Amino acid sequence: MYFRILNNDATGELTYLLADLDAKEAVLVDPHGRDVQLLLALLAERDLRLRWSLRTHHHDALQPTEPEQLALLGAPMVQGGSGSGAVQDGHTLTFGDELIHVMATPGHTRSCLSFAWRDRVFCGGLLALTSCPHQPAPAAPEALWDSVTQHIFTLPDETLLFTGHEQRSRAVTTVFEQRRWHPFFAGQTRDDFLMHMAALPESHPIHFAH
């Protein structure tokens, strides 16, 4: 297996490359249009065929050319919502001998997905609440609370969580860490959480707990 993290220092956005080297098949999680040529070069370097482009969330209303750019990757695009490429909670995707399980986790946007692979979950903006450069606050705080407490926090403690965008912090944490120390979820009630969300200054970034 092959796993690589690509980060953009300017925006804090992260992309993940997963590959089954025996089958020569790969998956990209949260690719970005500006990086298409780099991503194609990385795939070609190891003679990999891109099986899926997975998007935990998107802001295509602000970036209308993004779907067209990502189409140049030559793989089906998987995302939440009701349009092209939309999948439902519980759907399973394959690449090589590997399985990826789709989890509906709305909150950062109303149609966010998370993707579970082996011992890790790629959860986009779910826990990095205000680090997204395109949307500094959750679109649906009530749904976000449910997604985190009823889905992510019920996973095994050792499950690795990978964010879609982060600044001045690490890209990976665990369910145990976030359940225990996340500044907005640990020890909070739903009402507490919603009150904190309503009071958040839009320009203040919150990162994964350390």
Protein backbone atom coordinates (compact mmCIF):
# COMPACT_ATOMS: atom_id res chain seq x y z
CA MET A 1 0.00 0.00 0.00
CA TYR A 2 0.98 3.61 -0.55
CA PHE A 3 -0.28 6.64 1.37
CA ARG A 4 0.75 10.25 0.87
CA ILE A 5 -0.36 13.60 2.27
CA LEU A 6 -0.15 16.75 0.14
CA ASN A 7 -0.65 20.13 1.76
CA ASN A 8 -1.03 23.69 0.53
CA ASP A 9 0.80 26.04 2.88
CA ALA A 10 -1.12 29.08 1.65
CA THR A 11 -4.65 27.75 2.26
CA GLY A 12 -4.12 24.90 4.73
CA GLU A 13 -6.00 22.53 2.41
CA LEU A 14 -4.93 18.89 2.40
CA THR A 15 -5.21 16.14 -0.21
CA TYR A 16 -4.61 12.43 0.38
CA LEU A 17 -3.38 9.83 -2.09
CA LEU A 18 -4.16 6.16 -1.34
CA ALA A 19 -2.96 3.38 -3.61
CA ASP A 20 -2.93 -0.39 -3.91
CA LEU A 21 0.49 -0.81 -5.52
CA ASP A 22 -0.13 -4.44 -6.48
CA ALA A 23 -3.32 -3.59 -8.35
CA LYS A 24 -1.93 -0.24 -9.57
CA GLU A 25 -5.14 1.54 -8.52
CA ALA A 26 -5.40 4.74 -6.51
CA VAL A 27 -7.87 7.07 -4.80
CA LEU A 28 -7.58 10.80 -4.14
CA VAL A 29 -9.37 12.34 -1.18
CA ASP A 30 -10.15 16.06 -1.52
CA PRO A 31 -8.17 16.82 -4.69
CA HIS A 32 -8.14 20.45 -5.84
CA GLY A 33 -8.33 21.75 -9.38
CA ARG A 34 -5.18 23.85 -9.14
CA ASP A 35 -3.19 20.68 -8.33
CA VAL A 36 -4.38 18.51 -11.22
CA GLN A 37 -1.07 18.47 -13.10
CA LEU A 38 0.88 17.62 -9.94
CA LEU A 39 -1.57 14.85 -9.06
CA LEU A 40 -1.39 13.38 -12.55
CA ALA A 41 2.41 13.40 -12.31
CA LEU A 42 2.30 11.60 -8.95
CA LEU A 43 0.02 8.95 -10.38
CA ALA A 44 2.18 8.51 -13.46
CA GLU A 45 5.31 8.23 -11.34
CA ARG A 46 4.05 4.94 -9.91
CA ASP A 47 2.01 3.91 -12.96
CA LEU A 48 -1.26 4.19 -11.03
CA ARG A 49 -4.78 4.33 -12.44
CA LEU A 50 -7.02 6.71 -10.52
CA ARG A 51 -10.16 4.82 -9.52
CA TRP A 52 -12.02 7.54 -7.59
CA SER A 53 -11.82 11.22 -6.71
CA LEU A 54 -13.48 11.56 -3.31
CA ARG A 55 -14.67 14.91 -1.97
CA THR A 56 -15.58 15.26 1.69
CA HIS A 57 -17.14 18.61 0.81
CA HIS A 58 -16.91 21.27 -1.85
CA HIS A 59 -17.49 24.96 -2.44
CA ASP A 60 -18.24 24.89 -6.14
CA ALA A 61 -20.53 27.91 -5.87
CA LEU A 62 -17.40 29.91 -5.02
CA GLN A 63 -15.16 27.91 -7.40
CA PRO A 64 -17.37 27.21 -10.45
CA THR A 65 -14.51 25.83 -12.57
CA GLU A 66 -13.47 23.25 -9.97
CA PRO A 67 -15.56 20.29 -11.28
CA GLU A 68 -14.30 20.88 -14.81
CA GLN A 69 -10.68 20.95 -13.63
CA LEU A 70 -11.09 17.81 -11.52
CA ALA A 71 -12.63 15.99 -14.49
CA LEU A 72 -9.16 16.13 -16.08
CA LEU A 73 -8.07 13.52 -13.53
CA GLY A 74 -10.13 11.03 -15.54
CA ALA A 75 -11.86 9.30 -12.61
CA PRO A 76 -15.44 9.30 -11.26
CA MET A 77 -15.98 12.05 -8.70
CA VAL A 78 -17.74 11.01 -5.48
CA GLN A 79 -19.40 13.60 -3.22
CA GLY A 80 -22.47 14.30 -1.15
CA GLY A 81 -25.65 15.99 -2.31
CA SER A 82 -27.97 15.07 -5.14
CA GLY A 83 -25.99 15.87 -8.28
CA SER A 84 -23.55 13.89 -10.40
CA GLY A 85 -21.37 11.55 -8.36
CA ALA A 86 -23.55 11.75 -5.25
CA VAL A 87 -23.48 8.68 -2.98
CA GLN A 88 -25.39 7.73 0.14
CA ASP A 89 -24.40 6.79 3.68
CA GLY A 90 -23.15 3.20 3.89
CA HIS A 91 -22.05 2.96 0.27
CA THR A 92 -18.84 0.98 -0.32
CA LEU A 93 -16.19 1.86 -2.90
CA THR A 94 -13.37 -0.41 -4.04
CA PHE A 95 -9.89 0.15 -5.42
CA GLY A 96 -7.67 -2.87 -5.95
CA ASP A 97 -8.29 -5.14 -2.97
CA GLU A 98 -9.16 -2.22 -0.70
CA LEU A 99 -12.54 -0.98 0.57
CA ILE A 100 -13.65 2.54 1.41
CA HIS A 101 -16.85 3.04 3.39
CA VAL A 102 -18.90 6.21 2.87
CA MET A 103 -20.30 7.99 5.92
CA ALA A 104 -22.80 10.84 5.68
CA THR A 105 -21.51 13.49 8.11
CA PRO A 106 -23.26 16.79 7.34
CA GLY A 107 -22.38 19.92 9.26
CA HIS A 108 -19.43 21.78 7.77
CA THR A 109 -21.60 21.88 4.65
CA ARG A 110 -25.04 20.32 4.48
CA SER A 111 -23.91 17.39 2.34
CA CYS A 112 -20.50 16.51 3.79
CA LEU A 113 -19.18 12.97 3.60
CA SER A 114 -16.45 11.17 5.50
CA PHE A 115 -14.55 8.22 4.08
CA ALA A 116 -13.38 5.30 6.22
CA TRP A 117 -10.41 3.24 5.04
CA ARG A 118 -8.67 0.66 7.20
CA ASP A 119 -7.94 2.34 10.57
CA ARG A 120 -8.51 5.90 9.41
CA VAL A 121 -11.31 8.29 8.52
CA PHE A 122 -10.99 11.28 6.20
CA CYS A 123 -13.46 13.78 7.64
CA GLY A 124 -12.87 17.07 5.84
CA GLY A 125 -13.95 20.07 7.90
CA LEU A 126 -15.88 18.14 10.50
CA LEU A 127 -13.53 18.73 13.43
CA ALA A 128 -11.42 21.61 12.10
CA LEU A 129 -14.49 23.75 12.54
CA THR A 130 -13.35 27.13 11.23
CA SER A 131 -10.16 26.40 9.28
CA CYS A 132 -11.74 26.18 5.84
CA PRO A 133 -10.52 29.12 3.71
CA HIS A 134 -13.81 29.20 1.80
CA GLN A 135 -16.24 28.86 4.73
CA PRO A 136 -15.01 29.93 8.17
CA ALA A 137 -17.97 28.59 10.18
CA PRO A 138 -20.17 25.45 10.01
CA ALA A 139 -23.15 25.69 7.68
CA ALA A 140 -25.33 23.41 9.85
CA PRO A 141 -24.20 23.35 13.51
CA GLU A 142 -27.04 21.07 14.64
CA ALA A 143 -26.16 18.45 12.02
CA LEU A 144 -22.47 18.86 12.84
CA TRP A 145 -23.08 18.00 16.49
CA ASP A 146 -24.97 14.85 15.50
CA SER A 147 -22.35 13.80 12.93
CA VAL A 148 -19.51 14.10 15.42
CA THR A 149 -21.15 12.72 18.56
CA GLN A 150 -23.27 9.98 16.96
CA HIS A 151 -20.89 8.82 14.23
CA ILE A 152 -17.25 9.89 14.61
CA PHE A 153 -17.06 9.66 18.41
CA THR A 154 -18.63 6.18 18.42
CA LEU A 155 -15.69 4.77 16.43
CA PRO A 156 -12.86 2.92 18.24
CA ASP A 157 -10.55 5.17 20.27
CA GLU A 158 -7.54 4.40 18.09
CA THR A 159 -9.22 5.38 14.80
CA LEU A 160 -7.09 7.95 12.97
CA LEU A 161 -8.85 11.12 11.81
CA PHE A 162 -7.52 13.13 8.88
CA THR A 163 -8.75 16.66 8.26
CA GLY A 164 -9.37 18.33 4.91
CA HIS A 165 -7.88 21.67 5.87
CA GLU A 166 -5.75 22.81 8.72
CA GLN A 167 -3.34 25.63 9.46
CA ARG A 168 -0.37 25.64 11.85
CA SER A 169 -1.37 22.27 13.24
CA ARG A 170 -1.12 18.57 12.49
CA ALA A 171 -3.24 16.82 9.90
CA VAL A 172 -3.98 13.67 11.92
CA THR A 173 -5.47 12.98 15.34
CA THR A 174 -7.46 10.14 16.95
CA VAL A 175 -11.03 9.63 18.07
CA PHE A 176 -9.78 9.32 21.65
CA GLU A 177 -8.01 12.68 21.53
CA GLN A 178 -10.94 14.53 20.04
CA ARG A 179 -13.57 12.93 22.28
CA ARG A 180 -11.44 13.81 25.30
CA TRP A 181 -10.03 17.24 24.43
CA HIS A 182 -11.77 18.89 21.49
CA PRO A 183 -12.50 22.48 22.64
CA PHE A 184 -16.10 22.47 21.40
CA PHE A 185 -17.17 18.85 21.92
CA ALA A 186 -15.39 17.42 24.96
CA GLY A 187 -17.56 17.71 28.06
CA GLN A 188 -20.15 19.84 26.28
CA THR A 189 -23.86 19.43 25.89
CA ARG A 190 -25.58 20.01 22.57
CA ASP A 191 -26.92 23.35 23.83
CA ASP A 192 -23.44 24.36 24.97
CA PHE A 193 -22.04 23.52 21.55
CA LEU A 194 -24.71 25.47 19.66
CA MET A 195 -24.18 28.46 21.92
CA HIS A 196 -20.43 28.38 21.21
CA MET A 197 -21.08 28.11 17.46
CA ALA A 198 -23.37 31.13 17.55
CA ALA A 199 -20.68 33.14 19.37
CA LEU A 200 -17.74 32.19 17.10
CA PRO A 201 -16.01 35.11 15.41
CA GLU A 202 -15.86 34.16 11.75
CA SER A 203 -12.18 35.02 11.38
CA HIS A 204 -10.92 32.93 14.32
CA PRO A 205 -9.55 29.49 13.29
CA ILE A 206 -10.03 26.47 15.56
CA HIS A 207 -7.71 23.52 15.06
CA PHE A 208 -7.58 19.92 16.15
CA ALA A 209 -6.84 19.49 19.82
CA HIS A 210 -3.17 18.89 20.68
